[in-house]
Protein backbone atom coordinates (compact mmCIF):
# COMPACT_ATOMS: atom_id res chain seq x y z
CA MET A 1 115.32 96.95 106.23
CA GLU A 2 112.28 100.04 106.42
CA PHE A 3 108.73 98.88 107.76
CA ILE A 4 105.98 100.85 106.63
CA VAL A 5 103.13 100.67 109.33
CA ARG A 6 99.33 101.99 108.72
CA LYS A 7 96.01 100.86 110.74
CA LEU A 8 93.57 98.68 108.81
CA ALA A 9 90.77 101.18 108.11
CA SER A 10 87.94 97.99 108.54
CA ARG A 11 89.94 96.96 111.63
CA PRO A 12 90.97 100.02 114.05
CA ASP A 13 93.00 97.59 116.46
CA THR A 14 94.80 95.99 113.60
CA MET A 15 98.09 97.22 112.33
CA LEU A 16 99.86 96.24 108.87
CA VAL A 17 103.31 95.89 109.29
CA ARG A 18 105.20 95.88 105.96
CA TYR A 19 108.31 96.37 103.89
CA ASP A 20 109.60 96.88 99.88
CA CYS A 21 111.08 94.15 99.46
CA ALA A 22 113.96 94.27 97.13
CA CYS A 23 112.23 91.23 95.11
CA GLY A 24 109.69 93.36 94.66
CA CYS A 25 107.57 92.06 96.98
CA LYS A 26 105.55 93.96 99.54
CA PRO A 27 105.00 91.28 102.60
CA ASN A 28 102.72 92.43 105.60
CA ALA A 29 101.98 90.80 108.84
CA GLU A 30 99.45 92.00 110.95
CA TYR A 31 99.06 92.75 114.67
CA LYS A 32 96.48 93.34 116.87
CA GLN A 33 96.45 95.74 119.49
CA GLY A 34 96.42 94.20 122.81
CA SER A 35 96.98 90.73 121.70
CA ASP A 36 100.12 88.00 122.42
CA GLU A 37 99.69 86.37 119.23
CA VAL A 38 102.31 87.65 116.46
CA GLY A 39 101.81 88.43 113.22
CA SER A 40 104.37 86.89 110.28
CA GLU A 41 105.07 86.66 106.52
CA HIS A 42 107.91 85.00 104.65
CA CYS A 43 108.69 85.93 101.37
CA CYS A 44 109.74 84.68 98.39
CA CYS A 45 113.40 85.57 98.16
CA GLY A 46 113.77 83.72 102.07
CA ASN A 47 113.82 87.37 103.82
CA VAL A 48 110.92 86.86 106.56
CA HIS A 49 109.50 89.21 109.77
CA PHE A 50 107.74 88.48 112.70
CA VAL A 51 105.52 91.61 114.34
CA GLY A 52 104.21 91.72 118.16
CA PRO A 53 104.81 90.52 121.70
CA ASN A 54 108.28 88.26 121.69
CA ALA A 55 108.46 88.37 118.10
CA LYS A 56 112.54 87.78 118.03
CA GLU A 57 111.57 84.62 119.77
CA HIS A 58 109.04 83.52 117.64
CA LEU A 59 111.34 84.03 114.41
CA GLU A 60 113.79 82.04 116.12
CA THR A 61 111.65 79.27 116.63
CA ASP A 62 109.67 79.31 113.47
CA LEU A 63 113.47 79.23 111.39
CA SER A 64 115.15 76.28 113.67
CA GLU A 65 111.65 74.19 112.61
CA ARG A 66 111.94 75.04 109.38
CA LYS A 67 115.40 74.18 109.12
CA ALA A 68 114.72 70.63 111.16
CA GLN A 69 112.08 70.20 108.37
CA GLY A 70 114.57 70.63 105.84
CA GLU A 71 113.21 73.94 104.77
CA ASP A 72 115.02 77.02 103.73
CA SER A 73 118.93 75.10 103.38
CA ASP A 74 118.92 76.82 99.52
CA VAL A 75 118.92 80.00 101.38
CA GLY A 76 122.07 79.80 104.00
CA GLU A 77 122.18 81.47 107.36
CA TYR A 78 120.23 83.81 108.37
CA THR A 79 120.96 87.09 110.11
CA ILE A 80 118.28 87.77 112.48
CA SER A 81 117.90 91.63 113.78
CA GLU A 82 115.15 93.50 115.62
CA THR A 83 113.61 96.87 115.91
CA LYS A 84 110.50 98.41 116.99
CA VAL A 85 107.99 100.00 115.20
CA ASP A 86 105.40 102.97 116.23
CA ALA A 87 101.77 101.53 116.72
CA PRO A 88 98.82 103.69 114.99
CA TRP A 89 97.02 103.52 118.95
CA GLY A 90 100.54 105.03 120.63
CA GLY A 91 103.50 102.59 122.27
CA THR A 92 105.72 100.99 120.32
CA ILE A 93 105.83 96.67 118.88
CA PRO A 94 108.50 94.82 119.02
CA VAL A 95 109.40 93.68 115.22
CA ALA A 96 112.58 90.99 114.33
CA TYR A 97 112.90 90.24 110.79
CA ALA A 98 115.84 87.82 109.14
CA ILE A 99 117.68 88.03 106.26
CA PRO A 100 119.31 85.05 104.21
CA SER A 101 122.37 85.53 103.10
CA ALA A 102 121.85 84.02 99.83
CA ALA A 103 118.26 85.59 98.42
CA ARG A 104 116.13 83.13 96.22
CA GLU A 105 115.49 83.82 92.96
CA HIS A 106 112.10 86.10 92.54
């Protein structure tokens, strides 16, 4: 998955991390510089990504909670990966993403 990063003109301390999904969507998540909070986005096909400190842990917790509530059973198991993206203000920010074994139709 290739992530696109841009700084928000209206909020220069906030970055938008998105990708072009195979289903046609453009899921995006925001992260504010220096924040401990993560941003996230679930795509209609089942893909999900989180951006910010401890992104992978937040992603795993989210998927576990969704599974416990019976959500996402139609997409099967997830493959979880993580990477880092360059922040517009310097340094890198963690990004974790999960791809389901059976994507939903768009």
